[in-house]
PDB file of N, CA and C in Angstrom:
ATOM      1  N   MET A   1     157.380  94.004 -61.886  1.00  0.00           N
ATOM      2  CA  MET A   1     157.140  95.473 -62.024  1.00  0.00           C
ATOM      3  C   MET A   1     156.954  95.876 -63.430  1.00  0.00           C
ATOM      4  N   SER A   2     155.857  96.577 -63.672  1.00  0.00           N
ATOM      5  CA  SER A   2     155.551  96.956 -65.101  1.00  0.00           C
ATOM      6  C   SER A   2     156.321  98.186 -65.492  1.00  0.00           C
ATOM      7  N   LYS A   3     156.471  98.333 -66.750  1.00  0.00           N
ATOM      8  CA  LYS A   3     157.404  99.391 -67.377  1.00  0.00           C
ATOM      9  C   LYS A   3     156.377 100.266 -67.952  1.00  0.00           C
ATOM     10  N   PRO A   4     156.432 101.605 -67.370  1.00  0.00           N
ATOM     11  CA  PRO A   4     155.454 102.550 -68.041  1.00  0.00           C
ATOM     12  C   PRO A   4     155.797 102.785 -69.424  1.00  0.00           C
ATOM     13  N   ASN A   5     154.706 103.015 -70.269  1.00  0.00           N
ATOM     14  CA  ASN A   5     154.868 103.269 -71.595  1.00  0.00           C
ATOM     15  C   ASN A   5     155.468 102.218 -72.492  1.00  0.00           C
ATOM     16  N   LYS A   6     155.659 101.113 -71.969  1.00  0.00           N
ATOM     17  CA  LYS A   6     156.280 100.000 -72.717  1.00  0.00           C
ATOM     18  C   LYS A   6     155.187  99.079 -73.214  1.00  0.00           C
ATOM     19  N   LYS A   7     155.125  98.638 -74.475  1.00  0.00           N
ATOM     20  CA  LYS A   7     154.244  97.623 -74.995  1.00  0.00           C
ATOM     21  C   LYS A   7     154.604  96.277 -74.578  1.00  0.00           C
ATOM     22  N   ARG A   8     153.584  95.504 -74.113  1.00  0.00           N
ATOM     23  CA  ARG A   8     153.866  94.070 -73.915  1.00  0.00           C
ATOM     24  C   ARG A   8     153.186  93.338 -75.020  1.00  0.00           C
ATOM     25  N   TYR A   9     154.024  92.511 -75.791  1.00  0.00           N
ATOM     26  CA  TYR A   9     153.444  91.669 -76.876  1.00  0.00           C
ATOM     27  C   TYR A   9     152.876  90.465 -76.279  1.00  0.00           C
ATOM     28  N   LYS A  10     151.752  90.048 -76.814  1.00  0.00           N
ATOM     29  CA  LYS A  10     151.099  88.788 -76.535  1.00  0.00           C
ATOM     30  C   LYS A  10     151.313  87.857 -77.674  1.00  0.00           C
ATOM     31  N   LEU A  11     152.185  86.762 -77.508  1.00  0.00           N
ATOM     32  CA  LEU A  11     152.617  85.865 -78.500  1.00  0.00           C
ATOM     33  C   LEU A  11     151.370  85.401 -79.348  1.00  0.00           C
ATOM     34  N   ALA A  12     150.326  84.996 -78.772  1.00  0.00           N
ATOM     35  CA  ALA A  12     149.193  84.501 -79.423  1.00  0.00           C
ATOM     36  C   ALA A  12     148.656  85.530 -80.531  1.00  0.00           C
ATOM     37  N   GLU A  13     148.535  86.858 -79.966  1.00  0.00           N
ATOM     38  CA  GLU A  13     148.096  87.859 -80.954  1.00  0.00           C
ATOM     39  C   GLU A  13     149.140  88.214 -82.030  1.00  0.00           C
ATOM     40  N   VAL A  14     150.354  88.170 -81.733  1.00  0.00           N
ATOM     41  CA  VAL A  14     151.346  88.557 -82.747  1.00  0.00           C
ATOM     42  C   VAL A  14     151.312  87.421 -83.844  1.00  0.00           C
ATOM     43  N   ARG A  15     151.374  86.143 -83.383  1.00  0.00           N
ATOM     44  CA  ARG A  15     151.351  85.054 -84.242  1.00  0.00           C
ATOM     45  C   ARG A  15     150.055  85.136 -85.126  1.00  0.00           C
ATOM     46  N   ALA A  16     149.004  85.308 -84.596  1.00  0.00           N
ATOM     47  CA  ALA A  16     147.698  85.519 -85.386  1.00  0.00           C
ATOM     48  C   ALA A  16     147.673  86.587 -86.425  1.00  0.00           C
ATOM     49  N   GLN A  17     148.411  87.774 -86.024  1.00  0.00           N
ATOM     50  CA  GLN A  17     148.556  88.795 -87.007  1.00  0.00           C
ATOM     51  C   GLN A  17     149.429  88.408 -88.189  1.00  0.00           C
ATOM     52  N   TYR A  18     150.437  87.636 -87.925  1.00  0.00           N
ATOM     53  CA  TYR A  18     151.337  87.218 -88.919  1.00  0.00           C
ATOM     54  C   TYR A  18     150.588  86.165 -89.831  1.00  0.00           C
ATOM     55  N   ALA A  19     149.890  85.327 -89.118  1.00  0.00           N
ATOM     56  CA  ALA A  19     149.223  84.202 -89.919  1.00  0.00           C
ATOM     57  C   ALA A  19     148.199  84.967 -90.888  1.00  0.00           C
ATOM     58  N   GLU A  20     147.445  85.936 -90.350  1.00  0.00           N
ATOM     59  CA  GLU A  20     146.453  86.558 -91.149  1.00  0.00           C
ATOM     60  C   GLU A  20     147.126  87.382 -92.374  1.00  0.00           C
ATOM     61  N   ALA A  21     148.281  87.936 -92.037  1.00  0.00           N
ATOM     62  CA  ALA A  21     148.988  88.752 -93.131  1.00  0.00           C
ATOM     63  C   ALA A  21     149.521  87.767 -94.192  1.00  0.00           C
ATOM     64  N   VAL A  22     149.844  86.610 -93.880  1.00  0.00           N
ATOM     65  CA  VAL A  22     150.423  85.786 -95.001  1.00  0.00           C
ATOM     66  C   VAL A  22     149.448  84.728 -95.506  1.00  0.00           C
ATOM     67  N   GLY A  23     148.298  84.737 -94.948  1.00  0.00           N
ATOM     68  CA  GLY A  23     147.274  83.801 -95.404  1.00  0.00           C
ATOM     69  C   GLY A  23     147.112  82.519 -94.644  1.00  0.00           C
ATOM     70  N   GLY A  24     147.597  82.398 -93.462  1.00  0.00           N
ATOM     71  CA  GLY A  24     147.519  81.151 -92.692  1.00  0.00           C
ATOM     72  C   GLY A  24     148.855  80.646 -92.488  1.00  0.00           C
ATOM     73  N   ASP A  25     148.811  79.471 -91.619  1.00  0.00           N
ATOM     74  CA  ASP A  25     150.068  78.837 -91.272  1.00  0.00           C
ATOM     75  C   ASP A  25     150.415  77.737 -92.190  1.00  0.00           C
ATOM     76  N   GLU A  26     149.429  77.517 -93.178  1.00  0.00           N
ATOM     77  CA  GLU A  26     149.720  76.436 -94.150  1.00  0.00           C
ATOM     78  C   GLU A  26     149.701  76.921 -95.590  1.00  0.00           C
ATOM     79  N   VAL A  27     150.433  76.455 -96.415  1.00  0.00           N
ATOM     80  CA  VAL A  27     150.314  76.796 -97.881  1.00  0.00           C
ATOM     81  C   VAL A  27     149.592  75.717 -98.641  1.00  0.00           C
ATOM     82  N   GLU A  28     148.572  76.042 -99.393  1.00  0.00           N
ATOM     83  CA  GLU A  28     147.775  75.143-100.113  1.00  0.00           C
ATOM     84  C   GLU A  28     147.946  75.454-101.600  1.00  0.00           C
ATOM     85  N   PHE A  29     148.165  74.295-102.343  1.00  0.00           N
ATOM     86  CA  PHE A  29     148.318  74.509-103.877  1.00  0.00           C
ATOM     87  C   PHE A  29     147.703  73.436-104.503  1.00  0.00           C
ATOM     88  N   GLU A  30     147.353  73.801-105.800  1.00  0.00           N
ATOM     89  CA  GLU A  30     146.726  72.833-106.756  1.00  0.00           C
ATOM     90  C   GLU A  30     147.796  72.218-107.598  1.00  0.00           C
ATOM     91  N   GLY A  31     147.848  70.891-107.732  1.00  0.00           N
ATOM     92  CA  GLY A  31     148.746  70.173-108.425  1.00  0.00           C
ATOM     93  C   GLY A  31     148.239  69.636-109.696  1.00  0.00           C
ATOM     94  N   PRO A  32     148.931  68.617-110.239  1.00  0.00           N
ATOM     95  CA  PRO A  32     148.432  68.001-111.439  1.00  0.00           C
ATOM     96  C   PRO A  32     146.965  67.361-111.331  1.00  0.00           C
ATOM     97  N   GLY A  33     146.121  67.645-112.311  1.00  0.00           N
ATOM     98  CA  GLY A  33     144.843  67.070-112.132  1.00  0.00           C
ATOM     99  C   GLY A  33     143.842  67.706-111.182  1.00  0.00           C
ATOM    100  N   GLY A  34     144.340  68.888-110.717  1.00  0.00           N
ATOM    101  CA  GLY A  34     143.500  69.706-109.852  1.00  0.00           C
ATOM    102  C   GLY A  34     143.495  69.224-108.361  1.00  0.00           C
ATOM    103  N   GLU A  35     144.368  68.229-108.113  1.00  0.00           N
ATOM    104  CA  GLU A  35     144.313  67.869-106.635  1.00  0.00           C
ATOM    105  C   GLU A  35     145.110  68.754-105.767  1.00  0.00           C
ATOM    106  N   VAL A  36     144.636  68.940-104.555  1.00  0.00           N
ATOM    107  CA  VAL A  36     145.142  70.027-103.777  1.00  0.00           C
ATOM    108  C   VAL A  36     146.011  69.377-102.637  1.00  0.00           C
ATOM    109  N   TYR A  37     147.075  70.078-102.441  1.00  0.00           N
ATOM    110  CA  TYR A  37     148.136  69.645-101.524  1.00  0.00           C
ATOM    111  C   TYR A  37     148.480  70.790-100.533  1.00  0.00           C
ATOM    112  N   THR A  38     148.966  70.396 -99.406  1.00  0.00           N
ATOM    113  CA  THR A  38     149.340  71.454 -98.336  1.00  0.00           C
ATOM    114  C   THR A  38     150.718  71.123 -97.801  1.00  0.00           C
ATOM    115  N   MET A  39     151.248  72.264 -97.208  1.00  0.00           N
ATOM    116  CA  MET A  39     152.548  72.046 -96.569  1.00  0.00           C
ATOM    117  C   MET A  39     152.594  73.229 -95.566  1.00  0.00           C
ATOM    118  N   PRO A  40     153.457  73.112 -94.562  1.00  0.00           N
ATOM    119  CA  PRO A  40     153.593  74.297 -93.592  1.00  0.00           C
ATOM    120  C   PRO A  40     154.012  75.544 -94.390  1.00  0.00           C
ATOM    121  N   HIS A  41     153.452  76.714 -93.939  1.00  0.00           N
ATOM    122  CA  HIS A  41     154.047  77.999 -94.518  1.00  0.00           C
ATOM    123  C   HIS A  41     155.435  78.095 -93.968  1.00  0.00           C
ATOM    124  N   PRO A  42     156.388  78.555 -94.741  1.00  0.00           N
ATOM    125  CA  PRO A  42     157.745  78.622 -94.262  1.00  0.00           C
ATOM    126  C   PRO A  42     157.919  79.435 -93.005  1.00  0.00           C
ATOM    127  N   LEU A  43     157.075  80.429 -92.755  1.00  0.00           N
ATOM    128  CA  LEU A  43     157.191  81.268 -91.529  1.00  0.00           C
ATOM    129  C   LEU A  43     156.821  80.436 -90.347  1.00  0.00           C
ATOM    130  N   PHE A  44     155.968  79.434 -90.520  1.00  0.00           N
ATOM    131  CA  PHE A  44     155.327  78.783 -89.351  1.00  0.00           C
ATOM    132  C   PHE A  44     155.823  77.269 -89.299  1.00  0.00           C
ATOM    133  N   ALA A  45     156.600  76.887 -90.163  1.00  0.00           N
ATOM    134  CA  ALA A  45     157.034  75.446 -90.250  1.00  0.00           C
ATOM    135  C   ALA A  45     157.756  75.034 -88.994  1.00  0.00           C
ATOM    136  N   PRO A  46     157.482  73.718 -88.643  1.00  0.00           N
ATOM    137  CA  PRO A  46     158.324  73.194 -87.495  1.00  0.00           C
ATOM    138  C   PRO A  46     159.740  73.120 -87.793  1.00  0.00           C
ATOM    139  N   SER A  47     160.526  73.197 -86.845  1.00  0.00           N
ATOM    140  CA  SER A  47     162.015  73.104 -87.147  1.00  0.00           C
ATOM    141  C   SER A  47     162.375  71.788 -87.763  1.00  0.00           C
ATOM    142  N   GLU A  48     161.827  70.733 -87.560  1.00  0.00           N
ATOM    143  CA  GLU A  48     162.106  69.432 -88.166  1.00  0.00           C
ATOM    144  C   GLU A  48     161.808  69.571 -89.745  1.00  0.00           C
ATOM    145  N   TRP A  49     160.816  70.126 -90.024  1.00  0.00           N
ATOM    146  CA  TRP A  49     160.368  70.363 -91.486  1.00  0.00           C
ATOM    147  C   TRP A  49     161.407  71.203 -92.162  1.00  0.00           C
ATOM    148  N   ALA A  50     161.781  72.304 -91.562  1.00  0.00           N
ATOM    149  CA  ALA A  50     162.701  73.240 -92.134  1.00  0.00           C
ATOM    150  C   ALA A  50     164.156  72.630 -92.344  1.00  0.00           C
ATOM    151  N   LYS A  51     164.522  71.875 -91.217  1.00  0.00           N
ATOM    152  CA  LYS A  51     165.830  71.110 -91.369  1.00  0.00           C
ATOM    153  C   LYS A  51     165.761  70.005 -92.417  1.00  0.00           C
ATOM    154  N   ALA A  52     164.749  69.316 -92.596  1.00  0.00           N
ATOM    155  CA  ALA A  52     164.659  68.304 -93.606  1.00  0.00           C
ATOM    156  C   ALA A  52     164.642  68.945 -95.040  1.00  0.00           C
ATOM    157  N   VAL A  53     164.036  70.032 -95.148  1.00  0.00           N
ATOM    158  CA  VAL A  53     164.044  70.776 -96.494  1.00  0.00           C
ATOM    159  C   VAL A  53     165.507  71.333 -96.708  1.00  0.00           C
ATOM    160  N   ASP A  54     166.043  71.976 -95.739  1.00  0.00           N
ATOM    161  CA  ASP A  54     167.336  72.555 -95.937  1.00  0.00           C
ATOM    162  C   ASP A  54     168.384  71.443 -96.232  1.00  0.00           C
ATOM    163  N   ASP A  55     168.299  70.208 -95.504  1.00  0.00           N
ATOM    164  CA  ASP A  55     169.235  69.195 -95.682  1.00  0.00           C
ATOM    165  C   ASP A  55     169.067  68.392 -96.963  1.00  0.00           C
ATOM    166  N   ALA A  56     167.894  68.623 -97.675  1.00  0.00           N
ATOM    167  CA  ALA A  56     167.625  67.870 -98.961  1.00  0.00           C
ATOM    168  C   ALA A  56     168.770  68.147 -99.993  1.00  0.00           C
ATOM    169  N   GLU A  57     169.298  67.006-100.619  1.00  0.00           N
ATOM    170  CA  GLU A  57     170.336  67.105-101.577  1.00  0.00           C
ATOM    171  C   GLU A  57     169.833  67.190-102.953  1.00  0.00           C
ATOM    172  N   ASN A  58     168.518  66.913-103.255  1.00  0.00           N
ATOM    173  CA  ASN A  58     167.950  67.033-104.640  1.00  0.00           C
ATOM    174  C   ASN A  58     166.527  67.367-104.585  1.00  0.00           C
ATOM    175  N   ASP A  59     165.894  67.559-105.743  1.00  0.00           N
ATOM    176  CA  ASP A  59     164.567  67.955-105.827  1.00  0.00           C
ATOM    177  C   ASP A  59     163.602  66.905-105.219  1.00  0.00           C
ATOM    178  N   GLU A  60     163.944  65.728-105.312  1.00  0.00           N
ATOM    179  CA  GLU A  60     163.056  64.616-104.851  1.00  0.00           C
ATOM    180  C   GLU A  60     163.011  64.654-103.376  1.00  0.00           C
ATOM    181  N   GLU A  61     164.216  64.787-102.793  1.00  0.00           N
ATOM    182  CA  GLU A  61     164.268  64.795-101.282  1.00  0.00           C
ATOM    183  C   GLU A  61     163.638  66.073-100.728  1.00  0.00           C
ATOM    184  N   MET A  62     163.839  67.171-101.451  1.00  0.00           N
ATOM    185  CA  MET A  62     163.120  68.471-100.996  1.00  0.00           C
ATOM    186  C   MET A  62     161.646  68.361-101.057  1.00  0.00           C
ATOM    187  N   ALA A  63     161.084  67.825-102.166  1.00  0.00           N
ATOM    188  CA  ALA A  63     159.667  67.762-102.342  1.00  0.00           C
ATOM    189  C   ALA A  63     159.137  66.775-101.278  1.00  0.00           C
ATOM    190  N   HIS A  64     159.792  65.717-101.081  1.00  0.00           N
ATOM    191  CA  HIS A  64     159.356  64.717-100.111  1.00  0.00           C
ATOM    192  C   HIS A  64     159.311  65.300 -98.662  1.00  0.00           C
ATOM    193  N   ALA A  65     160.389  66.081 -98.479  1.00  0.00           N
ATOM    194  CA  ALA A  65     160.466  66.802 -97.084  1.00  0.00           C
ATOM    195  C   ALA A  65     159.284  67.765 -96.890  1.00  0.00           C
ATOM    196  N   MET A  66     158.983  68.444 -97.959  1.00  0.00           N
ATOM    197  CA  MET A  66     157.916  69.497 -97.903  1.00  0.00           C
ATOM    198  C   MET A  66     156.552  68.890 -97.835  1.00  0.00           C
ATOM    199  N   LEU A  67     156.335  67.778 -98.558  1.00  0.00           N
ATOM    200  CA  LEU A  67     154.972  67.222 -98.614  1.00  0.00           C
ATOM    201  C   LEU A  67     154.721  66.157 -97.729  1.00  0.00           C
ATOM    202  N   GLY A  68     155.750  65.393 -97.243  1.00  0.00           N
ATOM    203  CA  GLY A  68     155.496  64.265 -96.476  1.00  0.00           C
ATOM    204  C   GLY A  68     155.296  63.010 -97.339  1.00  0.00           C
ATOM    205  N   ASP A  69     155.302  61.853 -96.755  1.00  0.00           N
ATOM    206  CA  ASP A  69     155.272  60.581 -97.533  1.00  0.00           C
ATOM    207  C   ASP A  69     154.010  60.452 -98.377  1.00  0.00           C
ATOM    208  N   GLU A  70     152.843  60.490 -97.880  1.00  0.00           N
ATOM    209  CA  GLU A  70     151.487  60.298 -98.561  1.00  0.00           C
ATOM    210  C   GLU A  70     151.331  61.270 -99.709  1.00  0.00           C
ATOM    211  N   GLN A  71     151.554  62.686 -99.328  1.00  0.00           N
ATOM    212  CA  GLN A  71     151.171  63.591-100.339  1.00  0.00           C
ATOM    213  C   GLN A  71     152.299  63.533-101.499  1.00  0.00           C
ATOM    214  N   TYR A  72     153.572  63.316-101.146  1.00  0.00           N
ATOM    215  CA  TYR A  72     154.594  63.102-102.156  1.00  0.00           C
ATOM    216  C   TYR A  72     154.191  62.148-103.138  1.00  0.00           C
ATOM    217  N   GLU A  73     153.851  60.952-102.581  1.00  0.00           N
ATOM    218  CA  GLU A  73     153.561  59.791-103.496  1.00  0.00           C
ATOM    219  C   GLU A  73     152.299  60.167-104.428  1.00  0.00           C
ATOM    220  N   ARG A  74     151.356  60.804-103.839  1.00  0.00           N
ATOM    221  CA  ARG A  74     150.140  61.207-104.707  1.00  0.00           C
ATOM    222  C   ARG A  74     150.596  62.207-105.701  1.00  0.00           C
ATOM    223  N   PHE A  75     151.435  63.136-105.314  1.00  0.00           N
ATOM    224  CA  PHE A  75     151.836  64.209-106.274  1.00  0.00           C
ATOM    225  C   PHE A  75     152.651  63.649-107.365  1.00  0.00           C
ATOM    226  N   VAL A  76     153.660  62.899-107.137  1.00  0.00           N
ATOM    227  CA  VAL A  76     154.400  62.192-108.171  1.00  0.00           C
ATOM    228  C   VAL A  76     153.569  61.237-108.950  1.00  0.00           C
ATOM    229  N   GLY A  77     152.665  60.455-108.376  1.00  0.00           N
ATOM    230  CA  GLY A  77     151.766  59.520-109.060  1.00  0.00           C
ATOM    231  C   GLY A  77     150.833  60.210-109.945  1.00  0.00           C
ATOM    232  N   ALA A  78     150.486  61.503-109.600  1.00  0.00           N
ATOM    233  CA  ALA A  78     149.608  62.204-110.530  1.00  0.00           C
ATOM    234  C   ALA A  78     150.413  62.947-111.571  1.00  0.00           C
ATOM    235  N   GLY A  79     151.739  62.771-111.655  1.00  0.00           N
ATOM    236  CA  GLY A  79     152.565  63.309-112.720  1.00  0.00           C
ATOM    237  C   GLY A  79     153.095  64.566-112.437  1.00  0.00           C
ATOM    238  N   GLY A  80     153.210  64.947-111.089  1.00  0.00           N
ATOM    239  CA  GLY A  80     153.841  66.110-110.621  1.00  0.00           C
ATOM    240  C   GLY A  80     155.458  65.991-110.672  1.00  0.00           C
ATOM    241  N   ARG A  81     156.103  67.015-110.985  1.00  0.00           N
ATOM    242  CA  ARG A  81     157.590  67.052-110.950  1.00  0.00           C
ATOM    243  C   ARG A  81     158.003  67.509-109.617  1.00  0.00           C
ATOM    244  N   PRO A  82     158.963  66.739-108.875  1.00  0.00           N
ATOM    245  CA  PRO A  82     159.423  67.162-107.658  1.00  0.00           C
ATOM    246  C   PRO A  82     159.959  68.605-107.591  1.00  0.00           C
ATOM    247  N   GLY A  83     160.727  69.048-108.592  1.00  0.00           N
ATOM    248  CA  GLY A  83     161.274  70.285-108.504  1.00  0.00           C
ATOM    249  C   GLY A  83     160.324  71.421-108.509  1.00  0.00           C
ATOM    250  N   ASP A  84     159.070  71.142-108.965  1.00  0.00           N
ATOM    251  CA  ASP A  84     158.009  72.207-109.001  1.00  0.00           C
ATOM    252  C   ASP A  84     157.488  72.486-107.678  1.00  0.00           C
ATOM    253  N   VAL A  85     157.569  71.649-106.689  1.00  0.00           N
ATOM    254  CA  VAL A  85     157.130  71.914-105.361  1.00  0.00           C
ATOM    255  C   VAL A  85     157.917  73.070-104.686  1.00  0.00           C
ATOM    256  N   ASN A  86     159.207  73.158-105.058  1.00  0.00           N
ATOM    257  CA  ASN A  86     159.934  74.253-104.477  1.00  0.00           C
ATOM    258  C   ASN A  86     159.412  75.615-105.023  1.00  0.00           C
ATOM    259  N   PHE A  87     158.990  75.652-106.209  1.00  0.00           N
ATOM    260  CA  PHE A  87     158.426  76.908-106.807  1.00  0.00           C
ATOM    261  C   PHE A  87     157.207  77.390-105.832  1.00  0.00           C
ATOM    262  N   ILE A  88     156.402  76.489-105.280  1.00  0.00           N
ATOM    263  CA  ILE A  88     155.373  76.859-104.340  1.00  0.00           C
ATOM    264  C   ILE A  88     155.914  77.483-103.091  1.00  0.00           C
ATOM    265  N   ARG A  89     157.021  76.878-102.519  1.00  0.00           N
ATOM    266  CA  ARG A  89     157.537  77.387-101.334  1.00  0.00           C
ATOM    267  C   ARG A  89     158.187  78.783-101.613  1.00  0.00           C
ATOM    268  N   LEU A  90     158.864  78.854-102.723  1.00  0.00           N
ATOM    269  CA  LEU A  90     159.432  80.197-103.109  1.00  0.00           C
ATOM    270  C   LEU A  90     158.398  81.227-103.309  1.00  0.00           C
ATOM    271  N   ALA A  91     157.259  80.919-103.979  1.00  0.00           N
ATOM    272  CA  ALA A  91     156.067  81.821-104.125  1.00  0.00           C
ATOM    273  C   ALA A  91     155.563  82.256-102.847  1.00  0.00           C
ATOM    274  N   ALA A  92     155.473  81.327-101.914  1.00  0.00           N
ATOM    275  CA  ALA A  92     154.961  81.665-100.579  1.00  0.00           C
ATOM    276  C   ALA A  92     155.851  82.648 -99.821  1.00  0.00           C
ATOM    277  N   MET A  93     157.100  82.381 -99.970  1.00  0.00           N
ATOM    278  CA  MET A  93     158.143  83.213 -99.369  1.00  0.00           C
ATOM    279  C   MET A  93     158.173  84.711-100.019  1.00  0.00           C
ATOM    280  N   GLU A  94     158.022  84.809-101.299  1.00  0.00           N
ATOM    281  CA  GLU A  94     157.877  86.074-102.065  1.00  0.00           C
ATOM    282  C   GLU A  94     156.593  86.806-101.556  1.00  0.00           C
ATOM    283  N   ASP A  95     155.402  86.017-101.488  1.00  0.00           N
ATOM    284  CA  ASP A  95     154.224  86.728-101.082  1.00  0.00           C
ATOM    285  C   ASP A  95     154.460  87.219 -99.693  1.00  0.00           C
ATOM    286  N   MET A  96     155.063  86.515 -98.865  1.00  0.00           N
ATOM    287  CA  MET A  96     155.254  86.893 -97.430  1.00  0.00           C
ATOM    288  C   MET A  96     156.114  88.190 -97.364  1.00  0.00           C
ATOM    289  N   LYS A  97     157.086  88.280 -98.168  1.00  0.00           N
ATOM    290  CA  LYS A  97     157.855  89.544 -98.162  1.00  0.00           C
ATOM    291  C   LYS A  97     157.027  90.699 -98.440  1.00  0.00           C
ATOM    292  N   GLY A  98     156.180  90.525 -99.504  1.00  0.00           N
ATOM    293  CA  GLY A  98     155.234  91.594 -99.891  1.00  0.00           C
ATOM    294  C   GLY A  98     154.177  92.035 -98.836  1.00  0.00           C
ATOM    295  N   GLU A  99     153.795  90.965 -98.092  1.00  0.00           N
ATOM    296  CA  GLU A  99     152.668  91.211 -97.000  1.00  0.00           C
ATOM    297  C   GLU A  99     153.291  91.771 -95.764  1.00  0.00           C
ATOM    298  N   LEU A 100     154.531  91.567 -95.449  1.00  0.00           N
ATOM    299  CA  LEU A 100     155.065  91.909 -94.230  1.00  0.00           C
ATOM    300  C   LEU A 100     155.931  93.068 -94.463  1.00  0.00           C
ATOM    301  N   LYS A 101     155.328  94.258 -94.579  1.00  0.00           N
ATOM    302  CA  LYS A 101     156.000  95.510 -94.828  1.00  0.00           C
ATOM    303  C   LYS A 101     156.823  95.881 -93.662  1.00  0.00           C
ATOM    304  N   GLY A 102     158.021  96.036 -93.926  1.00  0.00           N
ATOM    305  CA  GLY A 102     158.954  96.463 -92.736  1.00  0.00           C
ATOM    306  C   GLY A 102     159.137  95.412 -91.804  1.00  0.00           C
ATOM    307  N   GLY A 103     159.009  94.175 -92.108  1.00  0.00           N
ATOM    308  CA  GLY A 103     159.159  93.020 -91.182  1.00  0.00           C
ATOM    309  C   GLY A 103     157.995  92.737 -90.309  1.00  0.00           C
ATOM    310  N   ARG A 104     156.908  93.459 -90.341  1.00  0.00           N
ATOM    311  CA  ARG A 104     155.798  93.423 -89.387  1.00  0.00           C
ATOM    312  C   ARG A 104     154.553  93.260 -90.262  1.00  0.00           C
ATOM    313  N   PRO A 105     153.601  92.500 -89.814  1.00  0.00           N
ATOM    314  CA  PRO A 105     152.341  92.559 -90.512  1.00  0.00           C
ATOM    315  C   PRO A 105     151.659  93.898 -90.385  1.00  0.00           C
ATOM    316  N   THR A 106     150.855  94.350 -91.443  1.00  0.00           N
ATOM    317  CA  THR A 106     150.162  95.524 -91.234  1.00  0.00           C
ATOM    318  C   THR A 106     148.794  95.181 -90.743  1.00  0.00           C
ATOM    319  N   ARG A 107     148.230  95.952 -89.797  1.00  0.00           N
ATOM    320  CA  ARG A 107     146.863  95.671 -89.429  1.00  0.00           C
ATOM    321  C   ARG A 107     145.858  95.894 -90.590  1.00  0.00           C
ATOM    322  N   SER A 108     145.048  94.913 -90.763  1.00  0.00           N
ATOM    323  CA  SER A 108     143.968  95.193 -91.750  1.00  0.00           C
ATOM    324  C   SER A 108     142.935  96.091 -91.254  1.00  0.00           C
ATOM    325  N   SER A 109     142.425  96.947 -92.140  1.00  0.00           N
ATOM    326  CA  SER A 109     141.340  97.874 -91.591  1.00  0.00           C
ATOM    327  C   SER A 109     140.037  97.357 -92.361  1.00  0.00           C
ATOM    328  N   THR A 110     139.066  97.794 -91.800  1.00  0.00           N
ATOM    329  CA  THR A 110     137.645  97.388 -92.281  1.00  0.00           C
ATOM    330  C   THR A 110     136.959  98.559 -92.670  1.00  0.00           C
ATOM    331  N   SER A 111     136.375  98.561 -93.892  1.00  0.00           N
ATOM    332  CA  SER A 111     135.559  99.718 -94.331  1.00  0.00           C
ATOM    333  C   SER A 111     134.154  99.704 -93.716  1.00  0.00           C
ATOM    334  N   SER A 112     133.330 100.667 -93.941  1.00  0.00           N
ATOM    335  CA  SER A 112     132.026 100.700 -93.284  1.00  0.00           C
ATOM    336  C   SER A 112     131.137  99.641 -93.686  1.00  0.00           C
ATOM    337  N   ASP A 113     131.298  98.970 -94.889  1.00  0.00           N
ATOM    338  CA  ASP A 113     130.584  97.963 -95.314  1.00  0.00           C
ATOM    339  C   ASP A 113     131.034  96.481 -94.766  1.00  0.00           C
ATOM    340  N   GLY A 114     132.035  96.559 -94.011  1.00  0.00           N
ATOM    341  CA  GLY A 114     132.511  95.268 -93.424  1.00  0.00           C
ATOM    342  C   GLY A 114     133.643  94.626 -94.285  1.00  0.00           C
ATOM    343  N   THR A 115     133.865  95.211 -95.397  1.00  0.00           N
ATOM    344  CA  THR A 115     134.943  94.403 -96.260  1.00  0.00           C
ATOM    345  C   THR A 115     136.370  94.879 -95.846  1.00  0.00           C
ATOM    346  N   ARG A 116     137.363  94.026 -96.049  1.00  0.00           N
ATOM    347  CA  ARG A 116     138.638  94.277 -95.604  1.00  0.00           C
ATOM    348  C   ARG A 116     139.338  95.237 -96.629  1.00  0.00           C
ATOM    349  N   LYS A 117     140.033  96.251 -96.168  1.00  0.00           N
ATOM    350  CA  LYS A 117     140.811  97.099 -97.031  1.00  0.00           C
ATOM    351  C   LYS A 117     142.268  96.759 -96.832  1.00  0.00           C
ATOM    352  N   ARG A 118     143.082  97.083 -97.686  1.00  0.00           N
ATOM    353  CA  ARG A 118     144.543  96.904 -97.583  1.00  0.00           C
ATOM    354  C   ARG A 118     145.218  98.172 -97.955  1.00  0.00           C
TER     355      ARG A 118
END
């Protein structure tokens, strides 16, 4: 039975709105030497990733959990400091707080010339 005047959320649409608001479900950053690395956005990270990051006991374990084996080795091999990877995660989380006003994404509006307004 449907409920009059009640909104039904569609998971796919809500997820897409949040992904758009925070810039996607992955965080991309430039490391030493201009190499690009990616990791899940904390809002969309799989529970295994989040648990591994939370369970890390030092910077090396945390960076390894966030980047995975291959990217971690490339990052450190290029001269990256493991502790710096956490700055990226924290920056993504801070940006997310700014984008999700009141805990929900704001719908972007489009101007008459087709550009996005905020």
